[in-house]
Amino acid sequence: MSKLRPAKITVNADLGVHIIDKNIYGHFAEHLGRCIYDGIFVGKDSPIPNDEGVRIDIVDALRKIKIPILRWPGGCFADEYHWKDGIGLASDRKKMINTHWGGVVEDNSFGTHEFFRLCELLETEPYVCGNVGSGTVQEMSEWIEYMNFEGESSMTNLRRANGAQKPFDLRYFGVGNENWGCGGNMRAEYYADLYRQFATYCRNYGENILYKVAAGPRGDNYHWTEVMMREAAHLMDGIGLHYYTRVGDKVVTRTQPDGNEIYLRDNDQSRGSATEFGENEWFGIMDAAWFTDELVRKHSTIMDKYDSDKKVGLLVDEWGTWFDNEPGTNPGFLYQQNTLRDVVSAAISLNVFNNHADRVRMANIAQTVNVLQAMVLTEGEKMVLTPTFHIFDQFSPHQDATLLPICLDAEDYTHGEKAMPGLSVSASKTKEGDVFITIANPNPNSGVDVTIDIRPCAVKTVTGNIITSGKMQDYNDFDSPAKVCLENFAGAKPTPTGVQAMIPAMSVVAMKVK
């Protein structure tokens, strides 16, 4: 296998200013397919070991990657979810049809209390998304009161009657989801007014201050960001951006004269196979991951016009790869495998989020279990950790570390007439004072020698790990659970001023430098 010309990375270890918010490594769990039911939640009577219905082996696995925050209940499901249907005795809860995802019956056995129990077990921050699309201001206001008020009221008495004497002290709350599409097919101007109304009644209780998140744009809908920041920035703490890494897209976008976009569906369009692909499809996904950088920069520029102090966070609260569902599975369940391709593309996206830590305060990959780019796949009592699980394990030292400025000189990865940056890199200084560097090489054909200068410090030791595999299509399944996983990296050695390393083709390398 050939090598590219040597690359050089300069890390300015004394110039870090911004903190990489740990919530950039957040996750998303929707009532979709087998994410909640038959995934995270198996019920108290299941023979699978559980804690109040929450599957223990999944909890143990997810705690290892230090999930900082978990978004729930959607997604599109959030804007048809009525929270009072999901409290009280399970036998008394109202059943509904999940019209967005497979047309299955939702029995509401996993609701508010079960979600907070899950977050307690995971030791993670809850992030709840409220219903604007089909809900009311009163319904949303009462849900927040139910979760957060400690005094005497009908909502707190109801919560106590359902077993929670103390408030849940929820901090992160989303005011609607994808209201440009499945959340109501609204114009930006209309949703901006609705957001202002709904957000007004999202009250703070006691010392708990809500972090209010506005539903932001789909991909490059810059008009949506412009309108929301102009009309409602003073009432929000964050705005969500949704962008899925995919080549085919079933959604056809049409821009109207007023700048608003409408979204039509083309069910004949394929997103491609998650496991059967060649270099064309590999390159397309890497290119789509790199587009994240352009999106973040352009949306941030618009936000800077109205918020030069960067008080409002850009939250990429849905992201990840999206392919056709696995053959033989319900198309509405969005069940897909993930491969080495997903690992490298996720590393590119995470490095982008890190490098924009001045504005990006959260990102939530979709979705945690059995859906899209999941961390975990289950089949009955069996469980397997996907390659994507290992990238979150590998990148975890970046959480709450100080972003370090870098300079990169590397040869592009070219395929046909197209090109992209040959390496994706981010660096941080951990609380222990170590320099932590993550490098993704998207080129499936060539490794590259890298010289890393770390200024100003004298390097003593370097340790590292790597995720790669023999084929770009490799994945983990129940028969081969460790084909793509985290392994020790022996390809780096310290130099007086930094590190010398060889980054193999189609790999992600992390190094901790002391």
Protein backbone atom coordinates (compact mmCIF):
# COMPACT_ATOMS: atom_id res chain seq x y z
CA MET A 1 0.00 0.00 0.00
CA SER A 2 1.40 3.40 -1.02
CA LYS A 3 2.08 6.33 1.25
CA LEU A 4 1.23 9.98 0.71
CA ARG A 5 3.83 12.69 1.10
CA PRO A 6 4.66 13.32 4.77
CA ALA A 7 2.23 15.53 6.66
CA LYS A 8 2.94 18.01 9.43
CA ILE A 9 0.75 19.02 12.36
CA THR A 10 1.65 21.88 14.68
CA VAL A 11 -0.16 21.94 18.04
CA ASN A 12 -0.03 25.19 20.01
CA ALA A 13 -0.30 23.77 23.50
CA ASP A 14 -0.16 27.17 25.23
CA LEU A 15 -2.85 28.96 23.20
CA GLY A 16 -6.02 27.11 24.16
CA VAL A 17 -9.03 29.27 25.09
CA HIS A 18 -12.26 27.38 24.45
CA ILE A 19 -13.50 24.31 26.31
CA ILE A 20 -14.73 21.35 24.27
CA ASP A 21 -18.12 20.93 25.91
CA LYS A 22 -18.57 17.33 26.99
CA ASN A 23 -22.09 17.51 25.56
CA ILE A 24 -20.59 17.38 22.05
CA TYR A 25 -20.39 13.66 22.82
CA GLY A 26 -24.13 13.43 23.50
CA HIS A 27 -26.63 10.85 22.28
CA PHE A 28 -30.20 10.63 21.09
CA ALA A 29 -32.90 8.04 21.84
CA GLU A 30 -36.26 8.29 20.10
CA HIS A 31 -39.38 6.16 20.22
CA LEU A 32 -38.40 4.72 16.87
CA GLY A 33 -38.04 1.09 15.86
CA ARG A 34 -36.20 -0.91 18.52
CA CYS A 35 -34.31 1.94 20.16
CA ILE A 36 -36.46 2.16 23.29
CA TYR A 37 -38.56 -1.02 23.26
CA ASP A 38 -36.62 -4.23 22.70
CA GLY A 39 -33.50 -2.10 23.05
CA ILE A 40 -32.98 0.12 26.08
CA PHE A 41 -36.24 -0.90 27.78
CA VAL A 42 -37.28 -4.54 28.05
CA GLY A 43 -39.79 -4.25 30.91
CA LYS A 44 -39.59 -5.37 34.52
CA ASP A 45 -40.79 -8.90 33.74
CA SER A 46 -38.17 -9.59 31.08
CA PRO A 47 -35.74 -12.50 31.67
CA ILE A 48 -33.02 -10.15 30.43
CA PRO A 49 -31.39 -8.57 33.52
CA ASN A 50 -32.88 -5.11 34.05
CA ASP A 51 -33.37 -2.33 36.55
CA GLU A 52 -37.03 -1.27 36.56
CA GLY A 53 -37.19 -2.42 32.94
CA VAL A 54 -33.97 -0.74 31.78
CA ARG A 55 -31.54 -3.25 30.31
CA ILE A 56 -28.44 -3.53 32.52
CA ASP A 57 -25.88 -4.68 29.92
CA ILE A 58 -26.66 -1.66 27.76
CA VAL A 59 -26.32 0.67 30.75
CA ASP A 60 -22.95 -0.86 31.62
CA ALA A 61 -21.73 -0.47 28.05
CA LEU A 62 -22.88 3.13 27.65
CA ARG A 63 -21.40 4.19 30.98
CA LYS A 64 -18.01 3.13 29.64
CA ILE A 65 -18.14 5.80 26.93
CA LYS A 66 -19.26 8.44 29.44
CA ILE A 67 -22.46 9.58 27.76
CA PRO A 68 -22.79 13.18 28.98
CA ILE A 69 -26.34 13.92 27.80
CA LEU A 70 -29.26 11.99 26.27
CA ARG A 71 -32.00 13.55 24.10
CA TRP A 72 -35.56 12.11 24.27
CA PRO A 73 -38.37 11.36 23.19
CA GLY A 74 -37.64 12.53 19.64
CA GLY A 75 -37.20 13.38 16.89
CA CYS A 76 -40.39 13.44 14.89
CA PHE A 77 -42.05 11.43 17.65
CA ALA A 78 -41.70 14.37 20.05
CA ASP A 79 -44.24 16.47 18.16
CA GLU A 80 -46.95 13.84 18.48
CA TYR A 81 -46.05 12.82 22.04
CA HIS A 82 -48.42 13.82 24.84
CA TRP A 83 -46.52 13.35 28.06
CA LYS A 84 -49.50 12.65 30.32
CA ASP A 85 -50.08 9.42 28.37
CA GLY A 86 -46.72 8.18 29.72
CA ILE A 87 -47.17 8.55 33.48
CA GLY A 88 -49.02 6.55 36.13
CA LEU A 89 -49.67 2.82 36.20
CA ALA A 90 -48.43 1.15 33.02
CA SER A 91 -51.74 -0.73 32.72
CA ASP A 92 -53.65 2.56 32.64
CA ARG A 93 -51.53 4.33 30.04
CA LYS A 94 -53.09 5.29 26.74
CA LYS A 95 -51.96 3.46 23.62
CA MET A 96 -51.27 5.37 20.41
CA ILE A 97 -50.11 4.72 16.86
CA ASN A 98 -46.54 5.76 16.09
CA THR A 99 -47.49 7.33 12.77
CA HIS A 100 -43.95 8.47 11.94
CA TRP A 101 -42.11 5.22 12.53
CA GLY A 102 -43.61 2.01 11.26
CA GLY A 103 -47.23 2.51 12.27
CA VAL A 104 -46.74 0.34 15.34
CA VAL A 105 -48.65 0.66 18.61
CA GLU A 106 -46.89 2.75 21.26
CA ASP A 107 -48.08 1.64 24.68
CA ASN A 108 -46.33 4.47 26.56
CA SER A 109 -44.81 2.07 29.09
CA PHE A 110 -41.59 4.08 28.78
CA GLY A 111 -42.40 7.63 29.82
CA THR A 112 -41.08 10.52 31.89
CA HIS A 113 -40.22 8.56 35.05
CA GLU A 114 -38.61 5.71 33.13
CA PHE A 115 -36.51 8.18 31.14
CA PHE A 116 -35.19 9.89 34.24
CA ARG A 117 -34.44 6.49 35.79
CA LEU A 118 -32.45 5.62 32.65
CA CYS A 119 -30.47 8.87 32.95
CA GLU A 120 -29.85 8.19 36.62
CA LEU A 121 -28.45 4.73 35.81
CA LEU A 122 -26.30 6.16 33.02
CA GLU A 123 -25.19 9.10 35.20
CA THR A 124 -26.07 11.35 32.29
CA GLU A 125 -27.83 14.69 31.84
CA PRO A 126 -31.41 14.42 30.49
CA TYR A 127 -32.45 16.52 27.49
CA VAL A 128 -36.21 16.52 26.87
CA CYS A 129 -37.83 17.70 23.64
CA GLY A 130 -41.35 19.13 23.94
CA ASN A 131 -44.34 19.01 21.60
CA VAL A 132 -44.99 22.16 19.56
CA GLY A 133 -46.32 20.49 16.40
CA SER A 134 -49.48 18.93 17.88
CA GLY A 135 -49.30 20.12 21.48
CA THR A 136 -50.34 23.23 23.37
CA VAL A 137 -48.58 25.86 25.41
CA GLN A 138 -50.40 24.61 28.51
CA GLU A 139 -49.31 21.00 27.92
CA MET A 140 -45.66 22.01 27.59
CA SER A 141 -45.79 24.37 30.56
CA GLU A 142 -47.37 21.72 32.78
CA TRP A 143 -44.78 19.12 31.78
CA ILE A 144 -41.97 21.43 32.90
CA GLU A 145 -43.85 22.15 36.13
CA TYR A 146 -44.33 18.40 36.66
CA MET A 147 -40.61 17.78 36.21
CA ASN A 148 -39.12 20.77 38.01
CA PHE A 149 -41.43 22.37 40.58
CA GLU A 150 -40.99 21.41 44.24
CA GLY A 151 -43.80 23.42 45.79
CA GLU A 152 -47.51 22.74 46.08
CA SER A 153 -49.44 22.44 42.82
CA SER A 154 -51.61 19.97 40.96
CA MET A 155 -48.68 18.95 38.75
CA THR A 156 -46.27 18.35 41.62
CA ASN A 157 -48.93 16.42 43.51
CA LEU A 158 -49.43 14.29 40.42
CA ARG A 159 -45.68 13.65 40.19
CA ARG A 160 -45.54 12.67 43.86
CA ALA A 161 -48.51 10.36 43.42
CA ASN A 162 -46.54 8.67 40.64
CA GLY A 163 -43.59 8.01 42.94
CA ALA A 164 -41.21 10.97 42.54
CA GLN A 165 -41.24 13.07 45.68
CA LYS A 166 -38.43 15.36 44.53
CA PRO A 167 -38.38 17.26 41.22
CA PHE A 168 -36.27 15.89 38.41
CA ASP A 169 -34.51 19.27 37.97
CA LEU A 170 -34.41 19.03 34.18
CA ARG A 171 -32.10 21.63 32.67
CA TYR A 172 -32.10 21.07 28.88
CA PHE A 173 -35.45 21.51 27.13
CA GLY A 174 -36.17 21.61 23.39
CA VAL A 175 -39.13 23.70 22.26
CA GLY A 176 -40.23 21.51 19.36
CA ASN A 177 -38.34 19.44 16.80
CA GLU A 178 -37.87 19.84 13.05
CA ASN A 179 -40.81 22.22 12.86
CA TRP A 180 -39.86 22.95 9.26
CA GLY A 181 -40.85 19.33 8.46
CA CYS A 182 -42.36 16.53 10.55
CA GLY A 183 -42.94 18.98 13.41
CA GLY A 184 -45.56 20.95 11.46
CA ASN A 185 -44.20 21.94 8.03
CA MET A 186 -43.90 25.52 9.30
CA ARG A 187 -42.28 28.55 7.76
CA ALA A 188 -39.37 30.00 9.72
CA GLU A 189 -41.34 33.16 10.44
CA TYR A 190 -44.31 31.22 11.82
CA TYR A 191 -42.21 28.95 14.00
CA ALA A 192 -40.23 31.95 15.31
CA ASP A 193 -43.46 33.45 16.62
CA LEU A 194 -44.60 30.11 18.04
CA TYR A 195 -41.22 29.63 19.69
CA ARG A 196 -41.48 33.03 21.36
CA GLN A 197 -44.92 32.12 22.69
CA PHE A 198 -44.07 28.61 23.89
CA ALA A 199 -40.68 29.60 25.34
CA THR A 200 -42.34 32.32 27.42
CA TYR A 201 -44.20 29.64 29.38
CA CYS A 202 -41.19 27.38 29.84
CA ARG A 203 -40.72 28.57 33.41
CA ASN A 204 -37.76 28.32 35.75
CA TYR A 205 -38.43 26.85 39.18
CA GLY A 206 -36.27 27.41 42.24
CA GLU A 207 -32.58 27.62 41.41
CA ASN A 208 -32.96 25.45 38.30
CA ILE A 209 -32.58 27.52 35.12
CA LEU A 210 -33.80 25.94 31.90
CA TYR A 211 -31.48 25.83 28.90
CA LYS A 212 -34.05 26.45 26.16
CA VAL A 213 -33.31 25.04 22.71
CA ALA A 214 -35.06 26.28 19.60
CA ALA A 215 -35.67 23.90 16.71
CA GLY A 216 -33.10 24.93 14.15
CA PRO A 217 -32.53 24.27 10.45
CA ARG A 218 -32.14 21.21 8.30
CA GLY A 219 -28.67 21.19 6.79
CA ASP A 220 -27.96 24.31 4.74
CA ASN A 221 -31.28 26.08 5.34
CA TYR A 222 -29.54 29.33 6.30
CA HIS A 223 -32.78 31.32 5.98
CA TRP A 224 -34.17 29.43 8.99
CA THR A 225 -31.18 30.38 11.14
CA GLU A 226 -31.37 34.00 9.99
CA VAL A 227 -35.03 34.33 10.95
CA MET A 228 -34.71 32.53 14.27
CA MET A 229 -31.69 34.54 15.39
CA ARG A 230 -33.24 37.80 14.28
CA GLU A 231 -36.61 37.19 15.90
CA ALA A 232 -35.94 35.02 18.93
CA ALA A 233 -32.26 34.86 19.90
CA HIS A 234 -32.98 36.75 23.13
CA LEU A 235 -35.29 33.93 24.28
CA MET A 236 -33.06 30.95 23.48
CA ASP A 237 -29.90 29.40 24.88
CA GLY A 238 -29.29 27.11 21.94
CA ILE A 239 -30.51 26.36 18.43
CA GLY A 240 -30.51 22.87 16.96
CA LEU A 241 -28.98 21.93 13.61
CA HIS A 242 -29.90 18.59 12.02
CA TYR A 243 -27.57 17.10 9.44
CA TYR A 244 -27.29 13.47 8.47
CA THR A 245 -24.22 12.13 6.69
CA ARG A 246 -25.61 10.45 3.60
CA VAL A 247 -25.16 10.34 -0.16
CA GLY A 248 -28.71 9.57 -1.31
CA ASP A 249 -31.52 11.63 0.22
CA LYS A 250 -35.21 10.83 -0.08
CA VAL A 251 -36.06 14.47 0.66
CA VAL A 252 -36.34 16.88 -2.26
CA THR A 253 -35.82 20.51 -1.25
CA ARG A 254 -37.50 23.45 -2.97
CA THR A 255 -36.72 27.01 -1.98
CA GLN A 256 -39.64 29.44 -2.13
CA PRO A 257 -39.36 33.14 -3.15
CA ASP A 258 -39.55 34.20 0.52
CA GLY A 259 -36.47 32.10 1.35
CA ASN A 260 -38.39 29.32 3.08
CA GLU A 261 -37.90 25.74 2.01
CA ILE A 262 -40.43 23.00 1.50
CA TYR A 263 -39.53 19.34 1.71
CA LEU A 264 -41.03 16.69 -0.53
CA ARG A 265 -40.39 12.96 -0.31
CA ASP A 266 -39.08 10.72 -3.09
CA ASN A 267 -39.43 7.15 -1.87
CA ASP A 268 -37.71 5.82 -4.99
CA GLN A 269 -34.43 7.41 -3.90
CA SER A 270 -31.96 5.04 -2.25
CA ARG A 271 -29.57 6.04 0.49
CA GLY A 272 -27.36 3.06 -0.33
CA SER A 273 -26.39 -0.02 1.63
CA ALA A 274 -24.74 0.27 5.03
CA THR A 275 -22.45 -2.68 4.32
CA GLU A 276 -22.23 -3.23 0.55
CA PHE A 277 -20.34 -0.39 -1.09
CA GLY A 278 -17.14 0.54 -2.89
CA GLU A 279 -14.77 3.51 -2.89
CA ASN A 280 -17.29 5.77 -4.67
CA GLU A 281 -19.72 5.38 -1.77
CA TRP A 282 -16.90 5.54 0.79
CA PHE A 283 -15.69 8.84 -0.68
CA GLY A 284 -19.24 10.21 -0.83
CA ILE A 285 -19.81 9.63 2.88
CA MET A 286 -16.43 11.15 3.81
CA ASP A 287 -17.24 14.16 1.65
CA ALA A 288 -20.64 14.50 3.33
CA ALA A 289 -18.97 14.35 6.75
CA TRP A 290 -16.55 17.10 5.75
CA PHE A 291 -19.53 19.25 4.67
CA THR A 292 -20.35 19.50 8.38
CA ASP A 293 -17.51 22.02 8.67
CA GLU A 294 -19.05 24.29 6.03
CA LEU A 295 -22.45 24.06 7.69
CA VAL A 296 -21.12 24.94 11.13
CA ARG A 297 -19.07 27.85 9.78
CA LYS A 298 -21.91 29.38 7.76
CA HIS A 299 -24.58 28.97 10.44
CA SER A 300 -22.13 30.37 12.99
CA THR A 301 -21.50 33.42 10.79
CA ILE A 302 -25.23 34.15 10.73
CA MET A 303 -25.45 33.67 14.49
CA ASP A 304 -22.52 36.06 14.98
CA LYS A 305 -24.58 38.86 13.38
CA TYR A 306 -27.10 38.71 16.20
CA ASP A 307 -25.01 37.22 18.98
CA SER A 308 -21.41 38.41 18.77
CA ASP A 309 -20.75 37.24 22.33
CA LYS A 310 -21.68 33.67 21.35
CA LYS A 311 -24.16 33.27 24.17
CA VAL A 312 -26.41 31.06 22.03
CA GLY A 313 -25.00 27.61 21.41
CA LEU A 314 -25.19 25.79 18.10
CA LEU A 315 -26.39 22.28 18.97
CA VAL A 316 -26.06 19.59 16.32
CA ASP A 317 -28.69 17.57 18.12
CA GLU A 318 -29.24 15.06 15.30
CA TRP A 319 -26.33 13.78 13.22
CA GLY A 320 -24.80 10.59 11.91
CA THR A 321 -24.88 8.29 8.90
CA TRP A 322 -28.17 7.21 7.35
CA PHE A 323 -28.45 4.34 4.88
CA ASP A 324 -31.24 2.08 3.66
CA ASN A 325 -32.59 -0.21 6.36
CA GLU A 326 -31.14 -3.71 6.53
CA PRO A 327 -32.92 -6.10 4.14
CA GLY A 328 -35.84 -7.89 5.74
CA THR A 329 -36.41 -5.29 8.46
CA ASN A 330 -39.25 -2.79 8.83
CA PRO A 331 -38.33 0.29 6.73
CA GLY A 332 -39.88 2.48 9.43
CA PHE A 333 -37.49 1.11 12.05
CA LEU A 334 -34.31 2.51 10.43
CA TYR A 335 -32.23 -0.47 11.55
CA GLN A 336 -28.78 -0.48 9.95
CA GLN A 337 -25.36 -1.94 10.56
CA ASN A 338 -22.32 0.30 10.74
CA THR A 339 -18.84 -0.33 9.43
CA LEU A 340 -15.36 1.10 9.40
CA ARG A 341 -16.78 3.75 7.04
CA ASP A 342 -19.03 5.00 9.84
CA VAL A 343 -16.07 5.17 12.24
CA VAL A 344 -13.94 7.36 10.00
CA SER A 345 -16.82 9.64 9.00
CA ALA A 346 -17.84 10.05 12.66
CA ALA A 347 -14.25 10.98 13.54
CA ILE A 348 -14.32 13.70 10.88
CA SER A 349 -17.58 15.09 12.29
CA LEU A 350 -16.39 14.97 15.90
CA ASN A 351 -13.14 16.72 15.00
CA VAL A 352 -15.21 19.43 13.27
CA PHE A 353 -17.37 19.88 16.37
CA ASN A 354 -14.27 20.07 18.57
CA ASN A 355 -12.63 22.65 16.35
CA HIS A 356 -15.73 24.87 16.54
CA ALA A 357 -16.05 24.62 20.31
CA ASP A 358 -16.50 28.39 20.52
CA ARG A 359 -20.02 27.95 19.10
CA VAL A 360 -20.84 24.22 19.09
CA ARG A 361 -21.97 23.30 22.61
CA MET A 362 -23.69 19.99 22.02
CA ALA A 363 -24.10 17.22 19.46
CA ASN A 364 -26.36 14.16 19.74
CA ILE A 365 -25.66 11.22 17.46
CA ALA A 366 -28.67 9.33 16.13
CA GLN A 367 -29.41 6.93 17.64
CA THR A 368 -28.17 5.12 20.70
CA VAL A 369 -29.50 1.56 20.21
CA ASN A 370 -30.74 -0.37 17.13
CA VAL A 371 -31.45 2.73 15.01
CA LEU A 372 -29.26 4.48 12.40
CA GLN A 373 -25.65 4.95 13.57
CA ALA A 374 -26.17 3.12 16.85
CA MET A 375 -23.69 2.37 19.61
CA VAL A 376 -25.32 -0.96 20.42
CA LEU A 377 -27.30 -3.58 18.49
CA THR A 378 -29.44 -6.19 20.23
CA GLU A 379 -31.20 -9.40 19.27
CA GLY A 380 -33.11 -10.87 22.19
CA GLU A 381 -30.64 -11.33 25.03
CA LYS A 382 -27.65 -10.84 22.70
CA MET A 383 -25.87 -7.50 22.41
CA VAL A 384 -22.99 -6.28 20.25
CA LEU A 385 -21.02 -3.04 20.37
CA THR A 386 -20.77 -1.37 16.98
CA PRO A 387 -17.63 0.27 15.55
CA THR A 388 -19.21 3.64 16.36
CA PHE A 389 -19.28 2.73 20.06
CA HIS A 390 -15.50 2.48 19.94
CA ILE A 391 -15.02 5.91 18.35
CA PHE A 392 -16.89 7.48 21.28
CA ASP A 393 -14.71 5.50 23.67
CA GLN A 394 -11.61 6.62 21.81
CA PHE A 395 -12.55 10.34 21.73
CA SER A 396 -13.81 10.57 25.34
CA PRO A 397 -10.68 12.37 26.71
CA HIS A 398 -11.73 15.42 24.66
CA GLN A 399 -14.75 15.90 26.96
CA ASP A 400 -14.39 19.22 28.82
CA ALA A 401 -10.75 19.52 27.71
CA THR A 402 -9.31 22.80 26.36
CA LEU A 403 -9.27 23.02 22.57
CA LEU A 404 -5.77 23.62 21.21
CA PRO A 405 -5.18 25.51 17.95
CA ILE A 406 -3.50 23.45 15.25
CA CYS A 407 -1.92 23.98 11.85
CA LEU A 408 -2.12 21.14 9.33
CA ASP A 409 -0.20 20.53 6.13
CA ALA A 410 -1.27 17.29 4.45
CA GLU A 411 -1.84 16.00 0.94
CA ASP A 412 -5.49 15.79 -0.16
CA TYR A 413 -7.34 12.53 -0.60
CA THR A 414 -8.44 12.50 -4.24
CA HIS A 415 -10.87 10.18 -5.97
CA GLY A 416 -11.56 10.78 -9.62
CA GLU A 417 -11.86 14.52 -10.08
CA LYS A 418 -12.83 15.21 -6.46
CA ALA A 419 -10.65 15.95 -3.45
CA MET A 420 -10.97 16.44 0.29
CA PRO A 421 -8.51 17.17 3.11
CA GLY A 422 -6.20 14.21 3.58
CA LEU A 423 -6.39 14.23 7.38
CA SER A 424 -8.94 15.32 9.96
CA VAL A 425 -7.39 16.48 13.25
CA SER A 426 -8.30 18.03 16.58
CA ALA A 427 -6.24 18.48 19.73
CA SER A 428 -6.97 19.37 23.33
CA LYS A 429 -5.32 19.70 26.71
CA THR A 430 -6.96 17.51 29.32
CA LYS A 431 -7.54 18.49 32.93
CA GLU A 432 -4.50 16.35 33.79
CA GLY A 433 -2.35 18.51 31.51
CA ASP A 434 -1.85 15.91 28.78
CA VAL A 435 -2.09 16.82 25.10
CA PHE A 436 -4.70 14.62 23.41
CA ILE A 437 -4.76 14.38 19.60
CA THR A 438 -7.24 12.59 17.33
CA ILE A 439 -6.40 11.99 13.67
CA ALA A 440 -8.60 10.42 11.00
CA ASN A 441 -7.15 9.28 7.68
CA PRO A 442 -10.08 8.92 5.23
CA ASN A 443 -7.87 7.63 2.42
CA PRO A 444 -8.52 3.88 1.99
CA ASN A 445 -5.48 3.43 -0.22
CA SER A 446 -2.58 5.18 1.49
CA GLY A 447 -1.06 5.65 4.90
CA VAL A 448 0.81 8.83 5.75
CA ASP A 449 3.82 9.68 7.90
CA VAL A 450 3.04 12.56 10.24
CA THR A 451 5.36 14.85 12.15
CA ILE A 452 3.61 16.49 15.11
CA ASP A 453 5.27 19.52 16.68
CA ILE A 454 3.88 20.40 20.10
CA ARG A 455 4.76 23.92 21.15
CA PRO A 456 6.06 24.73 23.65
CA CYS A 457 6.78 21.56 25.56
CA ALA A 458 9.28 18.77 25.89
CA VAL A 459 7.62 15.45 25.13
CA LYS A 460 8.29 12.61 27.52
CA THR A 461 5.94 9.82 26.45
CA VAL A 462 3.25 9.08 23.89
CA THR A 463 0.59 6.39 24.10
CA GLY A 464 -2.16 5.73 21.64
CA ASN A 465 -4.89 3.58 20.21
CA ILE A 466 -6.32 2.96 16.76
CA ILE A 467 -9.50 1.86 15.04
CA THR A 468 -9.07 0.27 11.61
CA SER A 469 -9.72 -3.01 9.85
CA GLY A 470 -8.76 -5.03 6.81
CA LYS A 471 -11.71 -3.94 4.68
CA MET A 472 -13.74 -0.74 4.60
CA GLN A 473 -16.92 -2.84 4.73
CA ASP A 474 -15.98 -4.62 7.98
CA TYR A 475 -18.50 -4.49 10.83
CA ASN A 476 -19.27 -6.20 14.14
CA ASP A 477 -22.09 -8.69 14.48
CA PHE A 478 -23.20 -11.28 17.00
CA ASP A 479 -20.88 -13.90 15.48
CA SER A 480 -17.88 -11.57 15.08
CA PRO A 481 -18.30 -8.90 17.77
CA ALA A 482 -14.73 -7.54 17.71
CA LYS A 483 -13.84 -7.23 14.04
CA VAL A 484 -13.69 -3.40 14.26
CA CYS A 485 -12.64 -2.25 17.70
CA LEU A 486 -10.14 -0.17 19.66
CA GLU A 487 -6.59 -1.52 19.73
CA ASN A 488 -3.23 -0.28 21.00
CA PHE A 489 -1.34 1.90 18.53
CA ALA A 490 2.35 1.16 18.19
CA GLY A 491 3.02 3.44 15.24
CA ALA A 492 4.06 6.54 17.22
CA LYS A 493 7.27 7.52 18.97
CA PRO A 494 8.21 10.67 20.90
CA THR A 495 10.68 13.19 19.55
CA PRO A 496 12.30 16.08 21.46
CA THR A 497 9.58 18.45 20.21
CA GLY A 498 6.62 16.20 19.57
CA VAL A 499 5.67 12.92 17.95
CA GLN A 500 6.51 11.00 14.81
CA ALA A 501 3.73 8.65 13.66
CA MET A 502 2.53 6.66 10.68
CA ILE A 503 -1.25 6.91 10.29
CA PRO A 504 -2.49 3.85 8.35
CA ALA A 505 -5.02 4.03 5.54
CA MET A 506 -8.71 4.28 6.56
CA SER A 507 -7.97 4.59 10.25
CA VAL A 508 -8.59 6.76 13.28
CA VAL A 509 -5.69 7.24 15.70
CA ALA A 510 -5.73 8.88 19.13
CA MET A 511 -2.58 9.82 21.02
CA LYS A 512 -2.03 11.09 24.55
CA VAL A 513 1.21 13.00 24.92
CA LYS A 514 2.85 13.74 28.26
